[in-house]
Amino acid sequence: MNGRKTRRGNYIQTDPKGRTWIDYKNVDELRRLMTPNGKIYSRKRLGTTSNDQRKVAKAIKRARFMALLPYTDGTL
């Protein structure tokens, strides 16, 4: 695909029907997808597709809502 490598992190899981999903309860993996200040890394940095990036954002926002992740870090 145009010399571009597609990387999938181990945070993206697949069910038997082939659908991908990201576990919002897996806080250690989600923290790797965020800056130290709590922002979500870009698609280019993570190497995800646009569809997977939406799933990453939704999982992080769910984890924030459930108080598993902070909205911002105390270093701001």
N, C-alpha and C. Protein backbone atom coordinates (compact mmCIF):
# COMPACT_ATOMS: atom_id res chain seq x y z
N MET A 1 0.83 -1.19 0.00
CA MET A 1 0.00 0.00 0.00
C MET A 1 0.87 1.24 0.00
N ASN A 2 1.40 1.59 -1.14
CA ASN A 2 2.19 2.80 -1.32
C ASN A 2 3.41 2.86 -0.41
N GLY A 3 3.99 1.72 -0.08
CA GLY A 3 5.18 1.69 0.75
C GLY A 3 4.92 2.04 2.21
N ARG A 4 3.68 2.07 2.59
CA ARG A 4 3.33 2.45 3.95
C ARG A 4 3.01 1.21 4.77
N LYS A 5 3.61 1.12 5.92
CA LYS A 5 3.34 -0.03 6.79
C LYS A 5 2.17 0.29 7.70
N THR A 6 1.27 -0.65 7.83
CA THR A 6 0.17 -0.47 8.76
C THR A 6 0.51 -1.24 10.03
N ARG A 7 0.47 -0.53 11.13
CA ARG A 7 0.76 -1.15 12.41
C ARG A 7 -0.50 -1.18 13.24
N ARG A 8 -0.73 -2.28 13.87
CA ARG A 8 -1.83 -2.38 14.80
C ARG A 8 -1.26 -2.66 16.16
N GLY A 9 -1.65 -1.85 17.10
CA GLY A 9 -1.19 -2.07 18.46
C GLY A 9 -1.92 -3.25 19.08
N ASN A 10 -1.40 -3.71 20.18
CA ASN A 10 -2.07 -4.83 20.85
C ASN A 10 -3.28 -4.34 21.65
N TYR A 11 -3.58 -3.05 21.59
CA TYR A 11 -4.76 -2.52 22.25
C TYR A 11 -6.01 -2.71 21.39
N ILE A 12 -5.84 -3.01 20.11
CA ILE A 12 -6.97 -3.26 19.22
C ILE A 12 -7.23 -4.76 19.20
N GLN A 13 -8.45 -5.14 19.57
CA GLN A 13 -8.79 -6.55 19.65
C GLN A 13 -9.85 -6.87 18.61
N THR A 14 -9.92 -8.12 18.23
CA THR A 14 -10.87 -8.56 17.21
C THR A 14 -11.73 -9.68 17.77
N ASP A 15 -13.03 -9.59 17.52
CA ASP A 15 -13.92 -10.66 17.96
C ASP A 15 -14.02 -11.72 16.86
N PRO A 16 -14.66 -12.84 17.11
CA PRO A 16 -14.73 -13.92 16.11
C PRO A 16 -15.37 -13.52 14.78
N LYS A 17 -16.22 -12.50 14.78
CA LYS A 17 -16.86 -12.06 13.54
C LYS A 17 -15.98 -11.09 12.76
N GLY A 18 -14.82 -10.75 13.29
CA GLY A 18 -13.91 -9.88 12.57
C GLY A 18 -14.03 -8.40 12.92
N ARG A 19 -14.88 -8.05 13.86
CA ARG A 19 -15.04 -6.65 14.25
C ARG A 19 -13.96 -6.27 15.26
N THR A 20 -13.43 -5.07 15.10
CA THR A 20 -12.39 -4.61 16.01
C THR A 20 -13.01 -3.76 17.11
N TRP A 21 -12.38 -3.80 18.27
CA TRP A 21 -12.82 -2.99 19.40
C TRP A 21 -11.65 -2.74 20.33
N ILE A 22 -11.80 -1.75 21.17
CA ILE A 22 -10.76 -1.38 22.13
C ILE A 22 -11.38 -1.39 23.51
N ASP A 23 -10.72 -2.05 24.44
CA ASP A 23 -11.24 -2.18 25.79
C ASP A 23 -10.95 -0.91 26.58
N TYR A 24 -11.99 -0.20 26.99
CA TYR A 24 -11.79 1.04 27.74
C TYR A 24 -11.33 0.79 29.17
N LYS A 25 -11.43 -0.45 29.65
CA LYS A 25 -11.00 -0.76 31.01
C LYS A 25 -9.51 -1.09 31.10
N ASN A 26 -8.86 -1.23 29.94
CA ASN A 26 -7.43 -1.52 29.90
C ASN A 26 -6.67 -0.20 29.98
N VAL A 27 -6.53 0.33 31.18
CA VAL A 27 -6.01 1.68 31.39
C VAL A 27 -4.53 1.78 31.03
N ASP A 28 -3.76 0.74 31.28
CA ASP A 28 -2.32 0.80 30.97
C ASP A 28 -2.08 0.97 29.47
N GLU A 29 -2.84 0.28 28.66
CA GLU A 29 -2.69 0.43 27.21
C GLU A 29 -3.18 1.79 26.74
N LEU A 30 -4.26 2.29 27.33
CA LEU A 30 -4.79 3.58 26.91
C LEU A 30 -3.86 4.72 27.30
N ARG A 31 -3.15 4.58 28.40
CA ARG A 31 -2.19 5.63 28.80
C ARG A 31 -1.05 5.77 27.80
N ARG A 32 -0.71 4.69 27.12
CA ARG A 32 0.34 4.76 26.10
C ARG A 32 -0.11 5.55 24.88
N LEU A 33 -1.42 5.72 24.72
CA LEU A 33 -1.97 6.44 23.57
C LEU A 33 -2.18 7.91 23.85
N MET A 34 -1.76 8.37 25.05
CA MET A 34 -1.97 9.75 25.47
C MET A 34 -0.65 10.41 25.82
N THR A 35 -0.61 11.73 25.70
CA THR A 35 0.57 12.50 26.11
C THR A 35 0.61 12.53 27.63
N PRO A 36 1.72 12.95 28.22
CA PRO A 36 1.77 13.07 29.68
C PRO A 36 0.76 14.07 30.24
N ASN A 37 0.33 15.03 29.41
CA ASN A 37 -0.66 16.00 29.86
C ASN A 37 -2.09 15.54 29.67
N GLY A 38 -2.30 14.37 29.06
CA GLY A 38 -3.64 13.82 28.94
C GLY A 38 -4.27 13.97 27.58
N LYS A 39 -3.55 14.48 26.58
CA LYS A 39 -4.11 14.61 25.24
C LYS A 39 -3.95 13.30 24.48
N ILE A 40 -4.84 13.05 23.53
CA ILE A 40 -4.79 11.85 22.72
C ILE A 40 -3.80 12.08 21.58
N TYR A 41 -2.89 11.12 21.38
CA TYR A 41 -1.94 11.24 20.27
C TYR A 41 -2.66 11.20 18.93
N SER A 42 -2.03 11.79 17.92
CA SER A 42 -2.63 11.87 16.59
C SER A 42 -2.55 10.53 15.88
N ARG A 43 -3.29 10.44 14.79
CA ARG A 43 -3.28 9.24 13.96
C ARG A 43 -1.90 8.97 13.41
N LYS A 44 -1.23 10.02 13.01
CA LYS A 44 0.10 9.86 12.42
C LYS A 44 1.09 9.29 13.43
N ARG A 45 0.99 9.73 14.65
CA ARG A 45 1.88 9.24 15.69
C ARG A 45 1.58 7.79 16.07
N LEU A 46 0.30 7.45 16.15
CA LEU A 46 -0.09 6.10 16.55
C LEU A 46 -0.03 5.11 15.40
N GLY A 47 -0.15 5.59 14.17
CA GLY A 47 -0.14 4.70 13.03
C GLY A 47 -1.43 3.92 12.87
N THR A 48 -2.55 4.54 13.26
CA THR A 48 -3.84 3.86 13.15
C THR A 48 -4.61 4.39 11.95
N THR A 49 -5.62 3.64 11.55
CA THR A 49 -6.51 4.11 10.50
C THR A 49 -7.49 5.10 11.12
N SER A 50 -8.23 5.80 10.27
CA SER A 50 -9.17 6.79 10.80
C SER A 50 -10.27 6.12 11.62
N ASN A 51 -10.70 4.95 11.17
CA ASN A 51 -11.73 4.22 11.91
C ASN A 51 -11.21 3.76 13.26
N ASP A 52 -9.98 3.24 13.30
CA ASP A 52 -9.41 2.80 14.57
C ASP A 52 -9.12 3.98 15.48
N GLN A 53 -8.76 5.14 14.91
CA GLN A 53 -8.50 6.32 15.73
C GLN A 53 -9.79 6.79 16.42
N ARG A 54 -10.91 6.68 15.72
CA ARG A 54 -12.19 7.02 16.35
C ARG A 54 -12.49 6.09 17.51
N LYS A 55 -12.16 4.82 17.35
CA LYS A 55 -12.38 3.84 18.43
C LYS A 55 -11.46 4.13 19.61
N VAL A 56 -10.22 4.54 19.32
CA VAL A 56 -9.29 4.91 20.38
C VAL A 56 -9.84 6.10 21.17
N ALA A 57 -10.29 7.12 20.45
CA ALA A 57 -10.82 8.31 21.10
C ALA A 57 -12.04 7.98 21.95
N LYS A 58 -12.92 7.14 21.41
CA LYS A 58 -14.12 6.78 22.16
C LYS A 58 -13.78 5.99 23.41
N ALA A 59 -12.81 5.08 23.32
CA ALA A 59 -12.41 4.29 24.49
C ALA A 59 -11.78 5.18 25.56
N ILE A 60 -10.95 6.14 25.15
CA ILE A 60 -10.33 7.05 26.12
C ILE A 60 -11.39 7.93 26.78
N LYS A 61 -12.33 8.42 25.99
CA LYS A 61 -13.39 9.26 26.55
C LYS A 61 -14.28 8.48 27.51
N ARG A 62 -14.55 7.21 27.19
CA ARG A 62 -15.33 6.37 28.11
C ARG A 62 -14.57 6.14 29.41
N ALA A 63 -13.27 5.88 29.30
CA ALA A 63 -12.46 5.65 30.49
C ALA A 63 -12.39 6.92 31.34
N ARG A 64 -12.34 8.08 30.71
CA ARG A 64 -12.35 9.34 31.46
C ARG A 64 -13.68 9.51 32.18
N PHE A 65 -14.77 9.21 31.50
CA PHE A 65 -16.09 9.36 32.10
C PHE A 65 -16.27 8.43 33.29
N MET A 66 -15.70 7.23 33.21
CA MET A 66 -15.80 6.26 34.30
C MET A 66 -14.76 6.50 35.38
N ALA A 67 -13.99 7.58 35.26
CA ALA A 67 -12.96 7.99 36.22
C ALA A 67 -11.81 6.99 36.29
N LEU A 68 -11.54 6.29 35.19
CA LEU A 68 -10.39 5.41 35.12
C LEU A 68 -9.15 6.18 34.65
N LEU A 69 -9.38 7.23 33.87
CA LEU A 69 -8.31 8.10 33.39
C LEU A 69 -8.65 9.54 33.74
N PRO A 70 -7.64 10.37 34.00
CA PRO A 70 -7.94 11.78 34.27
C PRO A 70 -8.20 12.54 32.97
N TYR A 71 -8.96 13.62 33.07
CA TYR A 71 -9.18 14.47 31.90
C TYR A 71 -7.90 15.22 31.56
N THR A 72 -7.22 15.73 32.60
CA THR A 72 -5.92 16.39 32.40
C THR A 72 -5.00 15.92 33.50
N ASP A 73 -3.71 16.18 33.29
CA ASP A 73 -2.72 15.83 34.30
C ASP A 73 -2.51 17.05 35.20
N GLY A 74 -1.95 16.83 36.36
CA GLY A 74 -1.70 17.93 37.28
C GLY A 74 -0.56 18.83 36.90
N THR A 75 0.11 18.54 35.78
CA THR A 75 1.27 19.34 35.39
C THR A 75 0.91 20.54 34.54
N LEU A 76 -0.36 20.76 34.27
CA LEU A 76 -0.74 21.90 33.42
C LEU A 76 -0.57 23.22 34.12
